[in-house]
């Protein structure tokens, strides 16, 4: 089942999103797809939004300020260029915010990485690699798993699957 179908099934069933994936522009949708897929694979209800720190700053502040009341537990924010989105959202909530710096010309995402990772003391943003959407989702899942043993088990299974893939690759390579 695709991530979109899983998300739609959860939406119809009334499951409240625990994670919000927020991007500064619709053009970032393909960049956050790995996060959506990872959350869906782990059975984590989530929502995806387009909210700009610069073009809709009041909406960004309102979204973050109301996140706890809506039942969100973690916010993932993807932005390129000046990449202020994660910081703006973090400034308006005490929820964990995970920033995804998005690669964009002319600096290939270095500007976004520095803008996301260099938050002032007191307003933290966890930051993953440039275009590291899957790791952002996995970090959000690990945070949620602190209070959800079933989710923790699914994360362990996922890691075991990765281990098995590496061992299989090693076995193929060593036979040559």
Protein backbone atom coordinates (compact mmCIF):
# COMPACT_ATOMS: atom_id res chain seq x y z
CA UNK A 1 0.00 0.00 0.00
CA UNK A 2 1.38 3.43 -0.91
CA UNK A 3 2.03 6.08 1.70
CA UNK A 4 -0.77 8.20 0.24
CA UNK A 5 -3.29 5.36 0.64
CA UNK A 6 -2.15 4.66 4.20
CA UNK A 7 -2.47 8.35 5.06
CA UNK A 8 -5.91 8.51 3.43
CA UNK A 9 -7.04 5.37 5.29
CA UNK A 10 -5.98 6.90 8.59
CA UNK A 11 -7.68 10.16 7.71
CA UNK A 12 -10.96 8.34 7.00
CA UNK A 13 -10.67 6.27 10.19
CA UNK A 14 -10.35 9.42 12.27
CA UNK A 15 -6.82 8.78 13.56
CA UNK A 16 -5.42 12.06 14.82
CA UNK A 17 -2.09 13.00 13.30
CA UNK A 18 0.82 12.73 15.74
CA UNK A 19 3.37 14.23 13.36
CA UNK A 20 3.08 17.22 11.07
CA UNK A 21 5.32 17.54 8.04
CA UNK A 22 5.41 21.20 7.10
CA UNK A 23 7.15 22.52 4.02
CA UNK A 24 7.73 26.08 2.98
CA UNK A 25 6.71 25.47 -0.61
CA UNK A 26 4.74 22.89 -2.56
CA UNK A 27 7.86 22.40 -4.67
CA UNK A 28 9.36 20.59 -1.66
CA UNK A 29 6.72 17.84 -1.80
CA UNK A 30 9.02 15.34 -3.53
CA UNK A 31 11.74 16.10 -0.97
CA UNK A 32 9.48 15.18 1.97
CA UNK A 33 8.04 12.06 0.32
CA UNK A 34 10.56 9.76 2.08
CA UNK A 35 9.35 11.12 5.44
CA UNK A 36 5.73 10.49 4.52
CA UNK A 37 6.54 6.96 3.42
CA UNK A 38 8.56 6.14 6.54
CA UNK A 39 5.82 7.42 8.84
CA UNK A 40 3.18 5.46 6.90
CA UNK A 41 5.32 2.29 6.98
CA UNK A 42 5.57 2.64 10.77
CA UNK A 43 1.82 3.23 11.12
CA UNK A 44 2.19 6.80 12.39
CA UNK A 45 -0.71 9.11 11.57
CA UNK A 46 0.56 12.36 10.10
CA UNK A 47 -0.45 15.42 8.17
CA UNK A 48 1.35 17.36 5.45
CA UNK A 49 1.06 21.14 5.16
CA UNK A 50 2.49 24.03 3.14
CA UNK A 51 3.18 27.00 5.40
CA UNK A 52 5.80 29.64 4.66
CA UNK A 53 7.81 31.35 7.37
CA UNK A 54 8.14 34.41 5.14
CA UNK A 55 4.96 34.51 3.02
CA UNK A 56 2.52 33.37 5.74
CA UNK A 57 4.28 34.16 9.04
CA UNK A 58 1.07 34.61 11.04
CA UNK A 59 -0.22 31.26 9.81
CA UNK A 60 3.10 29.60 10.77
CA UNK A 61 2.91 31.04 14.29
CA UNK A 62 -0.74 30.04 14.66
CA UNK A 63 -0.08 26.51 13.38
CA UNK A 64 2.78 25.95 15.83
CA UNK A 65 0.99 27.56 18.77
CA UNK A 66 -2.03 25.30 18.28
CA UNK A 67 -0.10 22.08 17.59
CA UNK A 68 -0.29 20.68 21.13
CA UNK A 69 -4.04 21.28 21.35
CA UNK A 70 -4.52 19.43 18.05
CA UNK A 71 -2.68 16.39 19.44
CA UNK A 72 0.54 16.71 17.51
CA UNK A 73 3.65 15.34 19.20
CA UNK A 74 6.43 16.22 16.71
CA UNK A 75 6.76 18.72 13.87
CA UNK A 76 9.02 18.12 10.89
CA UNK A 77 9.84 21.28 8.93
CA UNK A 78 11.43 21.26 5.46
CA UNK A 79 12.73 24.43 3.88
CA UNK A 80 15.46 25.59 1.53
CA UNK A 81 17.33 28.84 1.08
CA UNK A 82 17.04 30.97 4.21
CA UNK A 83 15.24 27.99 5.83
CA UNK A 84 13.62 29.86 8.68
CA UNK A 85 10.58 27.60 8.86
CA UNK A 86 11.83 25.17 11.52
CA UNK A 87 13.01 28.02 13.74
CA UNK A 88 9.78 29.98 13.40
CA UNK A 89 7.72 26.91 14.28
CA UNK A 90 10.03 26.06 17.22
CA UNK A 91 9.67 29.61 18.52
CA UNK A 92 5.91 29.08 18.90
CA UNK A 93 5.73 25.59 20.43
CA UNK A 94 7.46 23.41 22.99
CA UNK A 95 7.03 20.33 20.79
CA UNK A 96 10.15 18.81 19.28
CA UNK A 97 10.85 20.28 15.84
CA UNK A 98 13.01 18.39 13.36
CA UNK A 99 14.38 20.49 10.52
CA UNK A 100 15.10 19.19 7.04
CA UNK A 101 17.39 21.54 5.11
CA UNK A 102 16.36 21.33 1.45
CA UNK A 103 18.94 21.49 -1.33
CA UNK A 104 18.36 24.44 -3.63
CA UNK A 105 20.47 26.60 -5.92
CA UNK A 106 22.82 28.37 -5.72
CA UNK A 107 24.39 26.85 -2.57
CA UNK A 108 23.02 23.32 -2.81
CA UNK A 109 21.43 23.38 0.62
CA UNK A 110 24.42 24.57 2.65
CA UNK A 111 22.59 27.82 3.36
CA UNK A 112 19.52 25.88 4.51
CA UNK A 113 21.63 23.57 6.66
CA UNK A 114 23.34 26.46 8.43
CA UNK A 115 20.08 28.38 8.90
CA UNK A 116 18.40 25.30 10.38
CA UNK A 117 21.20 24.09 12.63
CA UNK A 118 22.31 27.47 14.01
CA UNK A 119 19.39 28.14 16.32
CA UNK A 120 19.92 30.44 19.29
CA UNK A 121 20.16 28.95 22.77
CA UNK A 122 16.75 28.19 24.23
CA UNK A 123 14.97 27.42 20.95
CA UNK A 124 16.32 24.07 19.76
CA UNK A 125 15.69 22.48 16.39
CA UNK A 126 16.95 18.97 15.73
CA UNK A 127 18.49 19.01 12.26
CA UNK A 128 19.05 16.14 9.85
CA UNK A 129 21.17 16.06 6.70
CA UNK A 130 20.35 18.08 3.62
CA UNK A 131 17.34 16.34 2.02
CA UNK A 132 17.33 13.89 4.98
CA UNK A 133 13.55 13.47 5.09
CA UNK A 134 13.60 9.76 5.94
CA UNK A 135 15.87 10.34 8.93
CA UNK A 136 13.62 13.19 10.08
CA UNK A 137 10.67 10.79 10.12
CA UNK A 138 12.68 8.11 11.90
CA UNK A 139 13.80 10.61 14.54
CA UNK A 140 10.17 11.64 15.03
CA UNK A 141 9.25 7.95 15.36
CA UNK A 142 11.99 7.40 17.95
CA UNK A 143 10.64 10.33 19.98
CA UNK A 144 7.12 8.89 19.81
CA UNK A 145 8.40 5.40 20.65
CA UNK A 146 9.49 6.63 24.09
CA UNK A 147 5.84 6.27 25.10
CA UNK A 148 4.75 3.58 22.65
CA UNK A 149 6.28 0.11 23.08
CA UNK A 150 4.57 -1.23 19.95
CA UNK A 151 6.14 1.51 17.85
CA UNK A 152 9.50 0.85 19.51
CA UNK A 153 9.13 -2.78 18.42
CA UNK A 154 8.44 -1.72 14.82
CA UNK A 155 11.57 0.43 14.88
CA UNK A 156 13.61 -2.53 16.14
CA UNK A 157 12.18 -4.68 13.33
CA UNK A 158 13.10 -1.99 10.80
CA UNK A 159 16.68 -1.92 12.07
CA UNK A 160 16.84 -5.70 11.92
CA UNK A 161 15.73 -5.53 8.30
CA UNK A 162 18.56 -3.10 7.55
CA UNK A 163 21.03 -5.41 9.28
CA UNK A 164 19.83 -8.38 7.23
CA UNK A 165 20.20 -6.42 3.97
CA UNK A 166 23.80 -5.50 4.80
CA UNK A 167 24.62 -9.07 5.78
CA UNK A 168 23.10 -10.36 2.53
CA UNK A 169 25.09 -7.81 0.53
CA UNK A 170 28.26 -8.84 2.36
CA UNK A 171 27.57 -12.50 1.62
CA UNK A 172 27.11 -11.73 -2.11
CA UNK A 173 30.28 -9.64 -2.28
CA UNK A 174 32.46 -12.11 -0.42
CA UNK A 175 31.42 -14.92 -2.80
CA UNK A 176 32.93 -13.08 -5.79
